[in-house]
Amino acid sequence: MAQSVPPGDITTQPGTKIIINAGGRRIGWAIKTTNMKRLGVDPPCGVLDPKEAVLMAVSCDSFQFGQEDTNNDRITIKKKQTYKRL
């Protein structure tokens, strides 16, 4: 028998994630989602210098489980080495 969950917010642990550039080179990063209406990331992109960190929050809007197709919902982090402008 399936359990029911009362309506309301679901809180995850951790609610945020700290991303650190542990390398010695500057990197640019961007977040891509396959469902922009439901999945959100803040900030969606940025540049990290060596040893710099960023606090990133991921959110998912409410939806009717079993009534909407979520099989292809994905969040992808893309990164690329960048260079300082002269």
PDB file of N, CA and C in Angstrom:
ATOM      1  N   MET A   1       0.838  -1.170   0.000  1.00  0.00           N
ATOM      2  CA  MET A   1       0.000   0.000   0.000  1.00  0.00           C
ATOM      3  C   MET A   1       0.891   1.244   0.000  1.00  0.00           C
ATOM      4  N   ALA A   2       0.612   2.185  -0.873  1.00  0.00           N
ATOM      5  CA  ALA A   2       1.397   3.412  -0.969  1.00  0.00           C
ATOM      6  C   ALA A   2       1.043   4.359   0.167  1.00  0.00           C
ATOM      7  N   GLN A   3       2.059   5.035   0.667  1.00  0.00           N
ATOM      8  CA  GLN A   3       1.833   6.023   1.710  1.00  0.00           C
ATOM      9  C   GLN A   3       1.471   7.351   1.071  1.00  0.00           C
ATOM     10  N   SER A   4       0.631   8.111   1.753  1.00  0.00           N
ATOM     11  CA  SER A   4       0.306   9.439   1.249  1.00  0.00           C
ATOM     12  C   SER A   4       1.098  10.474   2.039  1.00  0.00           C
ATOM     13  N   VAL A   5       1.431  11.547   1.370  1.00  0.00           N
ATOM     14  CA  VAL A   5       2.176  12.629   1.999  1.00  0.00           C
ATOM     15  C   VAL A   5       1.242  13.821   2.116  1.00  0.00           C
ATOM     16  N   PRO A   6       1.134  14.404   3.309  1.00  0.00           N
ATOM     17  CA  PRO A   6       0.252  15.566   3.443  1.00  0.00           C
ATOM     18  C   PRO A   6       0.759  16.724   2.592  1.00  0.00           C
ATOM     19  N   PRO A   7      -0.153  17.561   2.082  1.00  0.00           N
ATOM     20  CA  PRO A   7       0.284  18.679   1.249  1.00  0.00           C
ATOM     21  C   PRO A   7       1.163  19.642   2.035  1.00  0.00           C
ATOM     22  N   GLY A   8       2.069  20.283   1.339  1.00  0.00           N
ATOM     23  CA  GLY A   8       2.960  21.257   1.963  1.00  0.00           C
ATOM     24  C   GLY A   8       4.337  21.196   1.349  1.00  0.00           C
ATOM     25  N   ASP A   9       5.224  22.003   1.888  1.00  0.00           N
ATOM     26  CA  ASP A   9       6.594  22.051   1.385  1.00  0.00           C
ATOM     27  C   ASP A   9       7.385  20.846   1.861  1.00  0.00           C
ATOM     28  N   ILE A  10       8.281  20.372   1.009  1.00  0.00           N
ATOM     29  CA  ILE A  10       9.211  19.305   1.364  1.00  0.00           C
ATOM     30  C   ILE A  10      10.584  19.952   1.490  1.00  0.00           C
ATOM     31  N   THR A  11      11.221  19.773   2.620  1.00  0.00           N
ATOM     32  CA  THR A  11      12.534  20.355   2.853  1.00  0.00           C
ATOM     33  C   THR A  11      13.594  19.276   2.730  1.00  0.00           C
ATOM     34  N   THR A  12      14.633  19.566   1.966  1.00  0.00           N
ATOM     35  CA  THR A  12      15.731  18.613   1.804  1.00  0.00           C
ATOM     36  C   THR A  12      16.940  19.087   2.593  1.00  0.00           C
ATOM     37  N   GLN A  13      17.814  18.170   2.892  1.00  0.00           N
ATOM     38  CA  GLN A  13      19.050  18.493   3.604  1.00  0.00           C
ATOM     39  C   GLN A  13      20.232  18.096   2.737  1.00  0.00           C
ATOM     40  N   PRO A  14      21.138  18.920   2.344  1.00  0.00           N
ATOM     41  CA  PRO A  14      21.099  20.363   2.576  1.00  0.00           C
ATOM     42  C   PRO A  14      20.201  21.049   1.567  1.00  0.00           C
ATOM     43  N   GLY A  15      19.712  22.211   1.893  1.00  0.00           N
ATOM     44  CA  GLY A  15      18.872  22.984   0.988  1.00  0.00           C
ATOM     45  C   GLY A  15      19.683  23.782  -0.009  1.00  0.00           C
ATOM     46  N   THR A  16      20.969  23.941   0.275  1.00  0.00           N
ATOM     47  CA  THR A  16      21.867  24.663  -0.621  1.00  0.00           C
ATOM     48  C   THR A  16      23.162  23.880  -0.757  1.00  0.00           C
ATOM     49  N   LYS A  17      23.961  24.241  -1.728  1.00  0.00           N
ATOM     50  CA  LYS A  17      25.222  23.550  -1.984  1.00  0.00           C
ATOM     51  C   LYS A  17      26.301  24.588  -2.249  1.00  0.00           C
ATOM     52  N   ILE A  18      27.463  24.390  -1.648  1.00  0.00           N
ATOM     53  CA  ILE A  18      28.600  25.266  -1.903  1.00  0.00           C
ATOM     54  C   ILE A  18      29.499  24.584  -2.926  1.00  0.00           C
ATOM     55  N   ILE A  19      29.766  25.273  -4.021  1.00  0.00           N
ATOM     56  CA  ILE A  19      30.635  24.760  -5.071  1.00  0.00           C
ATOM     57  C   ILE A  19      31.963  25.507  -4.974  1.00  0.00           C
ATOM     58  N   ILE A  20      33.074  24.767  -4.922  1.00  0.00           N
ATOM     59  CA  ILE A  20      34.402  25.355  -4.768  1.00  0.00           C
ATOM     60  C   ILE A  20      35.267  24.997  -5.970  1.00  0.00           C
ATOM     61  N   ASN A  21      35.973  25.986  -6.501  1.00  0.00           N
ATOM     62  CA  ASN A  21      36.967  25.744  -7.542  1.00  0.00           C
ATOM     63  C   ASN A  21      38.269  25.409  -6.829  1.00  0.00           C
ATOM     64  N   ALA A  22      38.558  24.132  -6.664  1.00  0.00           N
ATOM     65  CA  ALA A  22      39.758  23.694  -5.948  1.00  0.00           C
ATOM     66  C   ALA A  22      41.000  23.726  -6.830  1.00  0.00           C
ATOM     67  N   GLY A  23      40.817  23.992  -8.114  1.00  0.00           N
ATOM     68  CA  GLY A  23      41.944  24.000  -9.041  1.00  0.00           C
ATOM     69  C   GLY A  23      42.698  25.315  -9.035  1.00  0.00           C
ATOM     70  N   GLY A  24      43.675  25.407  -9.896  1.00  0.00           N
ATOM     71  CA  GLY A  24      44.506  26.591  -9.992  1.00  0.00           C
ATOM     72  C   GLY A  24      44.157  27.492 -11.161  1.00  0.00           C
ATOM     73  N   ARG A  25      43.095  27.177 -11.893  1.00  0.00           N
ATOM     74  CA  ARG A  25      42.708  27.969 -13.059  1.00  0.00           C
ATOM     75  C   ARG A  25      41.285  28.479 -12.898  1.00  0.00           C
ATOM     76  N   ARG A  26      41.023  29.597 -13.526  1.00  0.00           N
ATOM     77  CA  ARG A  26      39.698  30.203 -13.507  1.00  0.00           C
ATOM     78  C   ARG A  26      38.746  29.361 -14.357  1.00  0.00           C
ATOM     79  N   ILE A  27      37.517  29.153 -13.866  1.00  0.00           N
ATOM     80  CA  ILE A  27      36.533  28.388 -14.638  1.00  0.00           C
ATOM     81  C   ILE A  27      35.214  29.154 -14.729  1.00  0.00           C
ATOM     82  N   GLY A  28      34.559  28.980 -15.858  1.00  0.00           N
ATOM     83  CA  GLY A  28      33.203  29.478 -16.033  1.00  0.00           C
ATOM     84  C   GLY A  28      32.260  28.295 -15.930  1.00  0.00           C
ATOM     85  N   TRP A  29      31.064  28.510 -15.390  1.00  0.00           N
ATOM     86  CA  TRP A  29      30.108  27.416 -15.240  1.00  0.00           C
ATOM     87  C   TRP A  29      28.697  27.914 -15.560  1.00  0.00           C
ATOM     88  N   ALA A  30      27.857  26.981 -15.980  1.00  0.00           N
ATOM     89  CA  ALA A  30      26.459  27.279 -16.281  1.00  0.00           C
ATOM     90  C   ALA A  30      25.617  26.057 -15.952  1.00  0.00           C
ATOM     91  N   ILE A  31      24.408  26.298 -15.501  1.00  0.00           N
ATOM     92  CA  ILE A  31      23.464  25.230 -15.174  1.00  0.00           C
ATOM     93  C   ILE A  31      22.444  25.136 -16.296  1.00  0.00           C
ATOM     94  N   LYS A  32      22.218  23.935 -16.783  1.00  0.00           N
ATOM     95  CA  LYS A  32      21.219  23.670 -17.816  1.00  0.00           C
ATOM     96  C   LYS A  32      20.154  22.749 -17.221  1.00  0.00           C
ATOM     97  N   THR A  33      18.884  23.029 -17.508  1.00  0.00           N
ATOM     98  CA  THR A  33      17.802  22.147 -17.070  1.00  0.00           C
ATOM     99  C   THR A  33      16.966  21.748 -18.274  1.00  0.00           C
ATOM    100  N   THR A  34      16.381  20.574 -18.200  1.00  0.00           N
ATOM    101  CA  THR A  34      15.518  20.111 -19.285  1.00  0.00           C
ATOM    102  C   THR A  34      14.076  20.556 -19.083  1.00  0.00           C
ATOM    103  N   ASN A  35      13.753  21.071 -17.898  1.00  0.00           N
ATOM    104  CA  ASN A  35      12.401  21.544 -17.609  1.00  0.00           C
ATOM    105  C   ASN A  35      12.502  22.882 -16.889  1.00  0.00           C
ATOM    106  N   MET A  36      12.639  23.961 -17.661  1.00  0.00           N
ATOM    107  CA  MET A  36      12.846  25.283 -17.083  1.00  0.00           C
ATOM    108  C   MET A  36      11.628  25.795 -16.320  1.00  0.00           C
ATOM    109  N   LYS A  37      10.434  25.255 -16.601  1.00  0.00           N
ATOM    110  CA  LYS A  37       9.232  25.686 -15.882  1.00  0.00           C
ATOM    111  C   LYS A  37       9.200  25.132 -14.466  1.00  0.00           C
ATOM    112  N   ARG A  38       9.789  23.970 -14.244  1.00  0.00           N
ATOM    113  CA  ARG A  38       9.715  23.310 -12.943  1.00  0.00           C
ATOM    114  C   ARG A  38      11.010  23.408 -12.137  1.00  0.00           C
ATOM    115  N   LEU A  39      12.159  23.299 -12.791  1.00  0.00           N
ATOM    116  CA  LEU A  39      13.442  23.258 -12.093  1.00  0.00           C
ATOM    117  C   LEU A  39      14.138  24.611 -12.166  1.00  0.00           C
ATOM    118  N   GLY A  40      14.653  25.058 -11.033  1.00  0.00           N
ATOM    119  CA  GLY A  40      15.339  26.345 -10.992  1.00  0.00           C
ATOM    120  C   GLY A  40      16.653  26.251 -10.240  1.00  0.00           C
ATOM    121  N   VAL A  41      17.615  27.059 -10.645  1.00  0.00           N
ATOM    122  CA  VAL A  41      18.912  27.134  -9.978  1.00  0.00           C
ATOM    123  C   VAL A  41      19.280  28.614  -9.862  1.00  0.00           C
ATOM    124  N   ASP A  42      19.775  29.004  -8.699  1.00  0.00           N
ATOM    125  CA  ASP A  42      20.178  30.384  -8.487  1.00  0.00           C
ATOM    126  C   ASP A  42      21.520  30.422  -7.785  1.00  0.00           C
ATOM    127  N   PRO A  43      22.538  31.019  -8.361  1.00  0.00           N
ATOM    128  CA  PRO A  43      22.605  31.675  -9.664  1.00  0.00           C
ATOM    129  C   PRO A  43      22.726  30.651 -10.788  1.00  0.00           C
ATOM    130  N   PRO A  44      22.261  30.982 -12.002  1.00  0.00           N
ATOM    131  CA  PRO A  44      22.293  30.017 -13.102  1.00  0.00           C
ATOM    132  C   PRO A  44      23.648  29.882 -13.790  1.00  0.00           C
ATOM    133  N   CYS A  45      24.553  30.840 -13.579  1.00  0.00           N
ATOM    134  CA  CYS A  45      25.875  30.767 -14.203  1.00  0.00           C
ATOM    135  C   CYS A  45      26.833  31.690 -13.467  1.00  0.00           C
ATOM    136  N   GLY A  46      28.123  31.541 -13.766  1.00  0.00           N
ATOM    137  CA  GLY A  46      29.104  32.404 -13.122  1.00  0.00           C
ATOM    138  C   GLY A  46      30.522  32.027 -13.490  1.00  0.00           C
ATOM    139  N   VAL A  47      31.461  32.728 -12.875  1.00  0.00           N
ATOM    140  CA  VAL A  47      32.887  32.485 -13.060  1.00  0.00           C
ATOM    141  C   VAL A  47      33.504  32.335 -11.680  1.00  0.00           C
ATOM    142  N   LEU A  48      34.349  31.316 -11.517  1.00  0.00           N
ATOM    143  CA  LEU A  48      35.035  31.082 -10.249  1.00  0.00           C
ATOM    144  C   LEU A  48      36.540  31.187 -10.453  1.00  0.00           C
ATOM    145  N   ASP A  49      37.163  32.078  -9.693  1.00  0.00           N
ATOM    146  CA  ASP A  49      38.618  32.151  -9.675  1.00  0.00           C
ATOM    147  C   ASP A  49      39.148  30.999  -8.832  1.00  0.00           C
ATOM    148  N   PRO A  50      40.444  30.693  -8.916  1.00  0.00           N
ATOM    149  CA  PRO A  50      41.004  29.607  -8.105  1.00  0.00           C
ATOM    150  C   PRO A  50      40.701  29.805  -6.619  1.00  0.00           C
ATOM    151  N   LYS A  51      40.294  28.735  -5.962  1.00  0.00           N
ATOM    152  CA  LYS A  51      39.968  28.690  -4.531  1.00  0.00           C
ATOM    153  C   LYS A  51      38.724  29.490  -4.158  1.00  0.00           C
ATOM    154  N   GLU A  52      37.991  30.017  -5.133  1.00  0.00           N
ATOM    155  CA  GLU A  52      36.766  30.769  -4.870  1.00  0.00           C
ATOM    156  C   GLU A  52      35.592  29.800  -4.769  1.00  0.00           C
ATOM    157  N   ALA A  53      34.544  30.196  -4.036  1.00  0.00           N
ATOM    158  CA  ALA A  53      33.365  29.346  -3.846  1.00  0.00           C
ATOM    159  C   ALA A  53      32.104  30.127  -4.187  1.00  0.00           C
ATOM    160  N   VAL A  54      31.027  29.400  -4.470  1.00  0.00           N
ATOM    161  CA  VAL A  54      29.719  30.009  -4.705  1.00  0.00           C
ATOM    162  C   VAL A  54      28.668  29.155  -3.998  1.00  0.00           C
ATOM    163  N   LEU A  55      27.672  29.809  -3.419  1.00  0.00           N
ATOM    164  CA  LEU A  55      26.545  29.125  -2.793  1.00  0.00           C
ATOM    165  C   LEU A  55      25.436  29.038  -3.822  1.00  0.00           C
ATOM    166  N   MET A  56      24.971  27.824  -4.111  1.00  0.00           N
ATOM    167  CA  MET A  56      24.001  27.581  -5.161  1.00  0.00           C
ATOM    168  C   MET A  56      22.739  26.957  -4.560  1.00  0.00           C
ATOM    169  N   ALA A  57      21.568  27.462  -4.950  1.00  0.00           N
ATOM    170  CA  ALA A  57      20.295  26.915  -4.483  1.00  0.00           C
ATOM    171  C   ALA A  57      19.553  26.281  -5.657  1.00  0.00           C
ATOM    172  N   VAL A  58      19.044  25.075  -5.459  1.00  0.00           N
ATOM    173  CA  VAL A  58      18.282  24.353  -6.481  1.00  0.00           C
ATOM    174  C   VAL A  58      16.851  24.229  -5.994  1.00  0.00           C
ATOM    175  N   SER A  59      15.873  24.514  -6.876  1.00  0.00           N
ATOM    176  CA  SER A  59      14.466  24.433  -6.485  1.00  0.00           C
ATOM    177  C   SER A  59      13.667  23.646  -7.511  1.00  0.00           C
ATOM    178  N   CYS A  60      12.560  23.096  -7.048  1.00  0.00           N
ATOM    179  CA  CYS A  60      11.636  22.355  -7.908  1.00  0.00           C
ATOM    180  C   CYS A  60      10.224  22.791  -7.550  1.00  0.00           C
ATOM    181  N   ASP A  61       9.503  23.360  -8.516  1.00  0.00           N
ATOM    182  CA  ASP A  61       8.127  23.771  -8.270  1.00  0.00           C
ATOM    183  C   ASP A  61       7.239  22.547  -8.085  1.00  0.00           C
ATOM    184  N   SER A  62       6.117  22.740  -7.418  1.00  0.00           N
ATOM    185  CA  SER A  62       5.203  21.624  -7.153  1.00  0.00           C
ATOM    186  C   SER A  62       4.583  21.108  -8.453  1.00  0.00           C
ATOM    187  N   PHE A  63       4.228  19.818  -8.448  1.00  0.00           N
ATOM    188  CA  PHE A  63       3.594  19.187  -9.601  1.00  0.00           C
ATOM    189  C   PHE A  63       2.814  17.974  -9.115  1.00  0.00           C
ATOM    190  N   GLN A  64       1.924  17.482  -9.952  1.00  0.00           N
ATOM    191  CA  GLN A  64       1.099  16.324  -9.625  1.00  0.00           C
ATOM    192  C   GLN A  64       1.864  15.051  -9.955  1.00  0.00           C
ATOM    193  N   PHE A  65       2.364  14.380  -8.918  1.00  0.00           N
ATOM    194  CA  PHE A  65       3.126  13.147  -9.118  1.00  0.00           C
ATOM    195  C   PHE A  65       2.248  12.105  -9.800  1.00  0.00           C
ATOM    196  N   GLY A  66       2.792  11.449 -10.803  1.00  0.00           N
ATOM    197  CA  GLY A  66       2.063  10.418 -11.531  1.00  0.00           C
ATOM    198  C   GLY A  66       1.215  10.958 -12.662  1.00  0.00           C
ATOM    199  N   GLN A  67       0.948  12.260 -12.664  1.00  0.00           N
ATOM    200  CA  GLN A  67       0.143  12.864 -13.721  1.00  0.00           C
ATOM    201  C   GLN A  67       0.994  13.657 -14.711  1.00  0.00           C
ATOM    202  N   GLU A  68       2.238  13.915 -14.346  1.00  0.00           N
ATOM    203  CA  GLU A  68       3.158  14.628 -15.229  1.00  0.00           C
ATOM    204  C   GLU A  68       4.390  13.767 -15.461  1.00  0.00           C
ATOM    205  N   ASP A  69       4.904  13.800 -16.676  1.00  0.00           N
ATOM    206  CA  ASP A  69       6.091  13.014 -17.015  1.00  0.00           C
ATOM    207  C   ASP A  69       7.342  13.725 -16.500  1.00  0.00           C
ATOM    208  N   THR A  70       8.050  13.076 -15.584  1.00  0.00           N
ATOM    209  CA  THR A  70       9.286  13.642 -15.027  1.00  0.00           C
ATOM    210  C   THR A  70      10.509  12.808 -15.396  1.00  0.00           C
ATOM    211  N   ASN A  71      10.344  11.819 -16.262  1.00  0.00           N
ATOM    212  CA  ASN A  71      11.444  10.914 -16.607  1.00  0.00           C
ATOM    213  C   ASN A  71      12.647  11.628 -17.210  1.00  0.00           C
ATOM    214  N   ASN A  72      12.420  12.710 -17.936  1.00  0.00           N
ATOM    215  CA  ASN A  72      13.529  13.396 -18.601  1.00  0.00           C
ATOM    216  C   ASN A  72      13.946  14.688 -17.907  1.00  0.00           C
ATOM    217  N   ASP A  73      13.447  14.945 -16.699  1.00  0.00           N
ATOM    218  CA  ASP A  73      13.848  16.145 -15.964  1.00  0.00           C
ATOM    219  C   ASP A  73      15.279  15.976 -15.473  1.00  0.00           C
ATOM    220  N   ARG A  74      16.160  16.875 -15.885  1.00  0.00           N
ATOM    221  CA  ARG A  74      17.572  16.786 -15.526  1.00  0.00           C
ATOM    222  C   ARG A  74      18.128  18.168 -15.233  1.00  0.00           C
ATOM    223  N   ILE A  75      19.146  18.204 -14.376  1.00  0.00           N
ATOM    224  CA  ILE A  75      19.944  19.402 -14.141  1.00  0.00           C
ATOM    225  C   ILE A  75      21.385  19.029 -14.459  1.00  0.00           C
ATOM    226  N   THR A  76      22.029  19.802 -15.334  1.00  0.00           N
ATOM    227  CA  THR A  76      23.399  19.527 -15.751  1.00  0.00           C
ATOM    228  C   THR A  76      24.273  20.744 -15.463  1.00  0.00           C
ATOM    229  N   ILE A  77      25.449  20.496 -14.907  1.00  0.00           N
ATOM    230  CA  ILE A  77      26.419  21.562 -14.675  1.00  0.00           C
ATOM    231  C   ILE A  77      27.487  21.465 -15.758  1.00  0.00           C
ATOM    232  N   LYS A  78      27.670  22.557 -16.498  1.00  0.00           N
ATOM    233  CA  LYS A  78      28.706  22.598 -17.529  1.00  0.00           C
ATOM    234  C   LYS A  78      29.779  23.574 -17.073  1.00  0.00           C
ATOM    235  N   LYS A  79      31.042  23.201 -17.312  1.00  0.00           N
ATOM    236  CA  LYS A  79      32.145  24.082 -16.930  1.00  0.00           C
ATOM    237  C   LYS A  79      33.140  24.192 -18.066  1.00  0.00           C
ATOM    238  N   LYS A  80      33.868  25.306 -18.053  1.00  0.00           N
ATOM    239  CA  LYS A  80      34.869  25.538 -19.082  1.00  0.00           C
ATOM    240  C   LYS A  80      35.948  26.440 -18.506  1.00  0.00           C
ATOM    241  N   GLN A  81      37.196  26.147 -18.867  1.00  0.00           N
ATOM    242  CA  GLN A  81      38.298  26.996 -18.431  1.00  0.00           C
ATOM    243  C   GLN A  81      38.156  28.363 -19.090  1.00  0.00           C
ATOM    244  N   THR A  82      38.370  29.429 -18.323  1.00  0.00           N
ATOM    245  CA  THR A  82      38.291  30.785 -18.861  1.00  0.00           C
ATOM    246  C   THR A  82      39.617  31.503 -18.627  1.00  0.00           C
ATOM    247  N   TYR A  83      39.766  32.624 -19.254  1.00  0.00           N
ATOM    248  CA  TYR A  83      40.991  33.409 -19.128  1.00  0.00           C
ATOM    249  C   TYR A  83      40.628  34.828 -18.726  1.00  0.00           C
ATOM    250  N   LYS A  84      41.498  35.456 -17.974  1.00  0.00           N
ATOM    251  CA  LYS A  84      41.286  36.852 -17.601  1.00  0.00           C
ATOM    252  C   LYS A  84      41.543  37.736 -18.808  1.00  0.00           C
ATOM    253  N   ARG A  85      40.740  38.800 -18.912  1.00  0.00           N
ATOM    254  CA  ARG A  85      40.958  39.762 -19.991  1.00  0.00           C
ATOM    255  C   ARG A  85      42.180  40.598 -19.672  1.00  0.00           C
ATOM    256  N   LEU A  86      42.922  40.922 -20.701  1.00  0.00           N
ATOM    257  CA  LEU A  86      44.123  41.754 -20.511  1.00  0.00           C
ATOM    258  C   LEU A  86      43.786  43.213 -20.618  1.00  0.00           C
TER     259      LEU A  86
END
